[in-house]
Amino acid sequence: MKFPKLLLEAIGRAEIPLRFEPGADEAVAAPVSELLRAWLRSHRSQFDDARNALIQELLEELDGSRDVPA
C-alpha cells in the first residue's frame, strides 16, 4: 500500500468534519506530508550512509513512489 493512501484513509476516519468538503482530505494531507518530509530530511547525516539510505526509502514511501512494507 502507498503512504499517501494510508494517510488519506486515516484522515477520512478522523472525527473532523472534512468529509463533506471536496478535496479537504488532500488539503489536510499536504501539510502533514510536508512536515514529515522536512523532519526526515533533518535527520540526514553526512557520515552515516545506512541512515541516509533508510531516510531515502522513507521519503519514497511518503511520496508514494514506493510501497509501505506490509
PDB file of N, CA and C in Angstrom:
ATOM      1  N   MET A   1       0.848  -1.178   0.000  1.00  0.00           N
ATOM      2  CA  MET A   1       0.000   0.000   0.000  1.00  0.00           C
ATOM      3  C   MET A   1       0.891   1.237   0.000  1.00  0.00           C
ATOM      4  N   LYS A   2       0.411   2.293  -0.580  1.00  0.00           N
ATOM      5  CA  LYS A   2       1.142   3.560  -0.663  1.00  0.00           C
ATOM      6  C   LYS A   2       0.823   4.443   0.543  1.00  0.00           C
ATOM      7  N   PHE A   3       1.848   5.151   1.046  1.00  0.00           N
ATOM      8  CA  PHE A   3       1.680   6.014   2.214  1.00  0.00           C
ATOM      9  C   PHE A   3       0.616   7.090   1.985  1.00  0.00           C
ATOM     10  N   PRO A   4       0.601   7.782   0.834  1.00  0.00           N
ATOM     11  CA  PRO A   4      -0.437   8.804   0.662  1.00  0.00           C
ATOM     12  C   PRO A   4      -1.856   8.243   0.836  1.00  0.00           C
ATOM     13  N   LYS A   5      -2.080   7.017   0.362  1.00  0.00           N
ATOM     14  CA  LYS A   5      -3.401   6.405   0.531  1.00  0.00           C
ATOM     15  C   LYS A   5      -3.664   6.110   2.007  1.00  0.00           C
ATOM     16  N   LEU A   6      -2.644   5.599   2.719  1.00  0.00           N
ATOM     17  CA  LEU A   6      -2.806   5.346   4.157  1.00  0.00           C
ATOM     18  C   LEU A   6      -3.156   6.630   4.904  1.00  0.00           C
ATOM     19  N   LEU A   7      -2.470   7.710   4.559  1.00  0.00           N
ATOM     20  CA  LEU A   7      -2.716   8.991   5.215  1.00  0.00           C
ATOM     21  C   LEU A   7      -4.133   9.485   4.936  1.00  0.00           C
ATOM     22  N   LEU A   8      -4.560   9.403   3.677  1.00  0.00           N
ATOM     23  CA  LEU A   8      -5.916   9.849   3.345  1.00  0.00           C
ATOM     24  C   LEU A   8      -6.972   8.997   4.038  1.00  0.00           C
ATOM     25  N   GLU A   9      -6.727   7.696   4.169  1.00  0.00           N
ATOM     26  CA  GLU A   9      -7.667   6.838   4.886  1.00  0.00           C
ATOM     27  C   GLU A   9      -7.739   7.222   6.360  1.00  0.00           C
ATOM     28  N   ALA A  10      -6.590   7.525   6.956  1.00  0.00           N
ATOM     29  CA  ALA A  10      -6.573   7.938   8.366  1.00  0.00           C
ATOM     30  C   ALA A  10      -7.332   9.253   8.555  1.00  0.00           C
ATOM     31  N   ILE A  11      -7.124  10.184   7.652  1.00  0.00           N
ATOM     32  CA  ILE A  11      -7.832  11.460   7.738  1.00  0.00           C
ATOM     33  C   ILE A  11      -9.332  11.234   7.560  1.00  0.00           C
ATOM     34  N   GLY A  12      -9.682  10.330   6.657  1.00  0.00           N
ATOM     35  CA  GLY A  12     -11.097  10.026   6.417  1.00  0.00           C
ATOM     36  C   GLY A  12     -11.786   9.420   7.625  1.00  0.00           C
ATOM     37  N   ARG A  13     -11.016   8.693   8.449  1.00  0.00           N
ATOM     38  CA  ARG A  13     -11.588   8.090   9.661  1.00  0.00           C
ATOM     39  C   ARG A  13     -11.618   9.065  10.835  1.00  0.00           C
ATOM     40  N   ALA A  14     -10.953  10.180  10.706  1.00  0.00           N
ATOM     41  CA  ALA A  14     -10.899  11.153  11.795  1.00  0.00           C
ATOM     42  C   ALA A  14     -12.288  11.724  12.052  1.00  0.00           C
ATOM     43  N   GLU A  15     -12.466  12.191  13.244  1.00  0.00           N
ATOM     44  CA  GLU A  15     -13.766  12.753  13.606  1.00  0.00           C
ATOM     45  C   GLU A  15     -13.822  14.253  13.354  1.00  0.00           C
ATOM     46  N   ILE A  16     -13.101  14.678  12.343  1.00  0.00           N
ATOM     47  CA  ILE A  16     -13.138  16.087  11.960  1.00  0.00           C
ATOM     48  C   ILE A  16     -14.129  16.186  10.786  1.00  0.00           C
ATOM     49  N   PRO A  17     -14.953  17.180  10.764  1.00  0.00           N
ATOM     50  CA  PRO A  17     -15.979  17.260   9.711  1.00  0.00           C
ATOM     51  C   PRO A  17     -15.422  17.723   8.362  1.00  0.00           C
ATOM     52  N   LEU A  18     -14.519  16.919   7.773  1.00  0.00           N
ATOM     53  CA  LEU A  18     -13.935  17.272   6.491  1.00  0.00           C
ATOM     54  C   LEU A  18     -14.613  16.552   5.332  1.00  0.00           C
ATOM     55  N   ARG A  19     -15.285  15.472   5.618  1.00  0.00           N
ATOM     56  CA  ARG A  19     -15.786  14.580   4.577  1.00  0.00           C
ATOM     57  C   ARG A  19     -16.710  15.267   3.572  1.00  0.00           C
ATOM     58  N   PHE A  20     -17.310  16.342   3.964  1.00  0.00           N
ATOM     59  CA  PHE A  20     -18.316  16.955   3.110  1.00  0.00           C
ATOM     60  C   PHE A  20     -17.740  18.038   2.206  1.00  0.00           C
ATOM     61  N   GLU A  21     -16.489  18.366   2.380  1.00  0.00           N
ATOM     62  CA  GLU A  21     -15.845  19.369   1.543  1.00  0.00           C
ATOM     63  C   GLU A  21     -14.969  18.671   0.512  1.00  0.00           C
ATOM     64  N   PRO A  22     -15.241  18.819  -0.770  1.00  0.00           N
ATOM     65  CA  PRO A  22     -14.413  18.168  -1.782  1.00  0.00           C
ATOM     66  C   PRO A  22     -12.956  18.629  -1.690  1.00  0.00           C
ATOM     67  N   GLY A  23     -12.049  17.667  -1.675  1.00  0.00           N
ATOM     68  CA  GLY A  23     -10.627  17.980  -1.623  1.00  0.00           C
ATOM     69  C   GLY A  23     -10.097  18.296  -0.240  1.00  0.00           C
ATOM     70  N   ALA A  24     -10.945  18.250   0.779  1.00  0.00           N
ATOM     71  CA  ALA A  24     -10.498  18.605   2.129  1.00  0.00           C
ATOM     72  C   ALA A  24      -9.465  17.619   2.668  1.00  0.00           C
ATOM     73  N   ASP A  25      -9.649  16.321   2.405  1.00  0.00           N
ATOM     74  CA  ASP A  25      -8.682  15.330   2.892  1.00  0.00           C
ATOM     75  C   ASP A  25      -7.294  15.602   2.329  1.00  0.00           C
ATOM     76  N   GLU A  26      -7.229  15.877   1.031  1.00  0.00           N
ATOM     77  CA  GLU A  26      -5.947  16.168   0.394  1.00  0.00           C
ATOM     78  C   GLU A  26      -5.340  17.465   0.935  1.00  0.00           C
ATOM     79  N   ALA A  27      -6.198  18.436   1.228  1.00  0.00           N
ATOM     80  CA  ALA A  27      -5.721  19.709   1.774  1.00  0.00           C
ATOM     81  C   ALA A  27      -5.100  19.522   3.156  1.00  0.00           C
ATOM     82  N   VAL A  28      -5.636  18.598   3.933  1.00  0.00           N
ATOM     83  CA  VAL A  28      -5.073  18.300   5.250  1.00  0.00           C
ATOM     84  C   VAL A  28      -3.812  17.455   5.103  1.00  0.00           C
ATOM     85  N   ALA A  29      -3.814  16.511   4.176  1.00  0.00           N
ATOM     86  CA  ALA A  29      -2.675  15.605   3.996  1.00  0.00           C
ATOM     87  C   ALA A  29      -1.423  16.333   3.513  1.00  0.00           C
ATOM     88  N   ALA A  30      -1.567  17.343   2.692  1.00  0.00           N
ATOM     89  CA  ALA A  30      -0.407  18.025   2.108  1.00  0.00           C
ATOM     90  C   ALA A  30       0.538  18.611   3.172  1.00  0.00           C
ATOM     91  N   PRO A  31       0.056  19.407   4.134  1.00  0.00           N
ATOM     92  CA  PRO A  31       0.982  19.947   5.124  1.00  0.00           C
ATOM     93  C   PRO A  31       1.539  18.877   6.068  1.00  0.00           C
ATOM     94  N   VAL A  32       0.769  17.829   6.325  1.00  0.00           N
ATOM     95  CA  VAL A  32       1.272  16.731   7.164  1.00  0.00           C
ATOM     96  C   VAL A  32       2.428  16.052   6.447  1.00  0.00           C
ATOM     97  N   SER A  33       2.252  15.775   5.160  1.00  0.00           N
ATOM     98  CA  SER A  33       3.319  15.151   4.370  1.00  0.00           C
ATOM     99  C   SER A  33       4.554  16.044   4.316  1.00  0.00           C
ATOM    100  N   GLU A  34       4.356  17.332   4.141  1.00  0.00           N
ATOM    101  CA  GLU A  34       5.493  18.260   4.086  1.00  0.00           C
ATOM    102  C   GLU A  34       6.234  18.308   5.427  1.00  0.00           C
ATOM    103  N   LEU A  35       5.491  18.274   6.517  1.00  0.00           N
ATOM    104  CA  LEU A  35       6.106  18.238   7.844  1.00  0.00           C
ATOM    105  C   LEU A  35       6.957  16.982   7.999  1.00  0.00           C
ATOM    106  N   LEU A  36       6.409  15.831   7.634  1.00  0.00           N
ATOM    107  CA  LEU A  36       7.156  14.574   7.730  1.00  0.00           C
ATOM    108  C   LEU A  36       8.391  14.598   6.837  1.00  0.00           C
ATOM    109  N   ARG A  37       8.258  15.137   5.626  1.00  0.00           N
ATOM    110  CA  ARG A  37       9.381  15.238   4.701  1.00  0.00           C
ATOM    111  C   ARG A  37      10.506  16.084   5.310  1.00  0.00           C
ATOM    112  N   ALA A  38      10.168  17.228   5.865  1.00  0.00           N
ATOM    113  CA  ALA A  38      11.174  18.102   6.483  1.00  0.00           C
ATOM    114  C   ALA A  38      11.817  17.430   7.688  1.00  0.00           C
ATOM    115  N   TRP A  39      11.021  16.733   8.482  1.00  0.00           N
ATOM    116  CA  TRP A  39      11.535  16.035   9.669  1.00  0.00           C
ATOM    117  C   TRP A  39      12.518  14.949   9.269  1.00  0.00           C
ATOM    118  N   LEU A  40      12.156  14.154   8.255  1.00  0.00           N
ATOM    119  CA  LEU A  40      13.070  13.105   7.791  1.00  0.00           C
ATOM    120  C   LEU A  40      14.358  13.697   7.237  1.00  0.00           C
ATOM    121  N   ARG A  41      14.245  14.727   6.432  1.00  0.00           N
ATOM    122  CA  ARG A  41      15.448  15.349   5.847  1.00  0.00           C
ATOM    123  C   ARG A  41      16.357  15.940   6.924  1.00  0.00           C
ATOM    124  N   SER A  42      15.788  16.397   8.011  1.00  0.00           N
ATOM    125  CA  SER A  42      16.604  16.992   9.076  1.00  0.00           C
ATOM    126  C   SER A  42      17.459  15.948   9.783  1.00  0.00           C
ATOM    127  N   HIS A  43      17.146  14.672   9.590  1.00  0.00           N
ATOM    128  CA  HIS A  43      17.901  13.598  10.237  1.00  0.00           C
ATOM    129  C   HIS A  43      18.954  12.969   9.340  1.00  0.00           C
ATOM    130  N   ARG A  44      19.172  13.536   8.158  1.00  0.00           N
ATOM    131  CA  ARG A  44      20.229  13.032   7.290  1.00  0.00           C
ATOM    132  C   ARG A  44      21.581  13.289   7.940  1.00  0.00           C
ATOM    133  N   SER A  45      22.522  12.417   7.603  1.00  0.00           N
ATOM    134  CA  SER A  45      23.857  12.516   8.180  1.00  0.00           C
ATOM    135  C   SER A  45      24.894  12.463   7.071  1.00  0.00           C
ATOM    136  N   GLN A  46      25.918  13.292   7.187  1.00  0.00           N
ATOM    137  CA  GLN A  46      26.978  13.249   6.183  1.00  0.00           C
ATOM    138  C   GLN A  46      27.931  12.079   6.415  1.00  0.00           C
ATOM    139  N   PHE A  47      27.790  11.387   7.541  1.00  0.00           N
ATOM    140  CA  PHE A  47      28.705  10.299   7.894  1.00  0.00           C
ATOM    141  C   PHE A  47      28.060   8.916   7.912  1.00  0.00           C
ATOM    142  N   ASP A  48      26.756   8.828   7.832  1.00  0.00           N
ATOM    143  CA  ASP A  48      26.062   7.547   8.002  1.00  0.00           C
ATOM    144  C   ASP A  48      25.261   7.197   6.747  1.00  0.00           C
ATOM    145  N   ASP A  49      25.877   6.423   5.855  1.00  0.00           N
ATOM    146  CA  ASP A  49      25.223   6.058   4.596  1.00  0.00           C
ATOM    147  C   ASP A  49      23.998   5.177   4.816  1.00  0.00           C
ATOM    148  N   ALA A  50      24.049   4.267   5.798  1.00  0.00           N
ATOM    149  CA  ALA A  50      22.909   3.389   6.063  1.00  0.00           C
ATOM    150  C   ALA A  50      21.703   4.209   6.523  1.00  0.00           C
ATOM    151  N   ARG A  51      21.944   5.167   7.374  1.00  0.00           N
ATOM    152  CA  ARG A  51      20.861   6.043   7.851  1.00  0.00           C
ATOM    153  C   ARG A  51      20.262   6.819   6.681  1.00  0.00           C
ATOM    154  N   ASN A  52      21.120   7.347   5.830  1.00  0.00           N
ATOM    155  CA  ASN A  52      20.653   8.116   4.678  1.00  0.00           C
ATOM    156  C   ASN A  52      19.854   7.242   3.717  1.00  0.00           C
ATOM    157  N   ALA A  53      20.264   5.978   3.566  1.00  0.00           N
ATOM    158  CA  ALA A  53      19.527   5.058   2.694  1.00  0.00           C
ATOM    159  C   ALA A  53      18.127   4.804   3.252  1.00  0.00           C
ATOM    160  N   LEU A  54      18.025   4.624   4.559  1.00  0.00           N
ATOM    161  CA  LEU A  54      16.715   4.425   5.186  1.00  0.00           C
ATOM    162  C   LEU A  54      15.848   5.675   5.026  1.00  0.00           C
ATOM    163  N   ILE A  55      16.425   6.826   5.244  1.00  0.00           N
ATOM    164  CA  ILE A  55      15.671   8.072   5.088  1.00  0.00           C
ATOM    165  C   ILE A  55      15.181   8.210   3.653  1.00  0.00           C
ATOM    166  N   GLN A  56      16.013   7.843   2.689  1.00  0.00           N
ATOM    167  CA  GLN A  56      15.598   7.905   1.285  1.00  0.00           C
ATOM    168  C   GLN A  56      14.425   6.964   1.021  1.00  0.00           C
ATOM    169  N   GLU A  57      14.478   5.758   1.576  1.00  0.00           N
ATOM    170  CA  GLU A  57      13.357   4.818   1.422  1.00  0.00           C
ATOM    171  C   GLU A  57      12.078   5.391   2.029  1.00  0.00           C
ATOM    172  N   LEU A  58      12.196   5.991   3.199  1.00  0.00           N
ATOM    173  CA  LEU A  58      11.019   6.574   3.854  1.00  0.00           C
ATOM    174  C   LEU A  58      10.459   7.745   3.047  1.00  0.00           C
ATOM    175  N   LEU A  59      11.337   8.559   2.479  1.00  0.00           N
ATOM    176  CA  LEU A  59      10.879   9.671   1.644  1.00  0.00           C
ATOM    177  C   LEU A  59      10.152   9.149   0.401  1.00  0.00           C
ATOM    178  N   GLU A  60      10.646   8.058  -0.171  1.00  0.00           N
ATOM    179  CA  GLU A  60       9.982   7.466  -1.334  1.00  0.00           C
ATOM    180  C   GLU A  60       8.612   6.913  -0.955  1.00  0.00           C
ATOM    181  N   GLU A  61       8.504   6.329   0.222  1.00  0.00           N
ATOM    182  CA  GLU A  61       7.193   5.865   0.694  1.00  0.00           C
ATOM    183  C   GLU A  61       6.262   7.047   0.905  1.00  0.00           C
ATOM    184  N   LEU A  62       6.777   8.104   1.482  1.00  0.00           N
ATOM    185  CA  LEU A  62       5.981   9.312   1.734  1.00  0.00           C
ATOM    186  C   LEU A  62       5.448   9.910   0.435  1.00  0.00           C
ATOM    187  N   ASP A  63       6.282   9.883  -0.589  1.00  0.00           N
ATOM    188  CA  ASP A  63       5.868  10.444  -1.896  1.00  0.00           C
ATOM    189  C   ASP A  63       5.003   9.493  -2.700  1.00  0.00           C
ATOM    190  N   GLY A  64       4.908   8.240  -2.269  1.00  0.00           N
ATOM    191  CA  GLY A  64       4.086   7.268  -2.970  1.00  0.00           C
ATOM    192  C   GLY A  64       4.792   6.556  -4.106  1.00  0.00           C
ATOM    193  N   SER A  65       6.112   6.741  -4.224  1.00  0.00           N
ATOM    194  CA  SER A  65       6.836   6.056  -5.300  1.00  0.00           C
ATOM    195  C   SER A  65       7.323   4.680  -4.865  1.00  0.00           C
ATOM    196  N   ARG A  66       7.115   4.329  -3.599  1.00  0.00           N
ATOM    197  CA  ARG A  66       7.481   3.016  -3.058  1.00  0.00           C
ATOM    198  C   ARG A  66       6.369   2.577  -2.129  1.00  0.00           C
ATOM    199  N   ASP A  67       6.073   1.272  -2.161  1.00  0.00           N
ATOM    200  CA  ASP A  67       5.050   0.729  -1.260  1.00  0.00           C
ATOM    201  C   ASP A  67       5.546   0.709   0.185  1.00  0.00           C
ATOM    202  N   VAL A  68       4.632   0.893   1.100  1.00  0.00           N
ATOM    203  CA  VAL A  68       4.928   0.728   2.526  1.00  0.00           C
ATOM    204  C   VAL A  68       4.997  -0.765   2.795  1.00  0.00           C
ATOM    205  N   PRO A  69       6.064  -1.254   3.462  1.00  0.00           N
ATOM    206  CA  PRO A  69       6.145  -2.689   3.726  1.00  0.00           C
ATOM    207  C   PRO A  69       4.957  -3.156   4.577  1.00  0.00           C
ATOM    208  N   ALA A  70       4.499  -4.341   4.277  1.00  0.00           N
ATOM    209  CA  ALA A  70       3.348  -4.894   5.000  1.00  0.00           C
ATOM    210  C   ALA A  70       3.778  -5.413   6.361  1.00  0.00           C
TER     211      ALA A  70
END
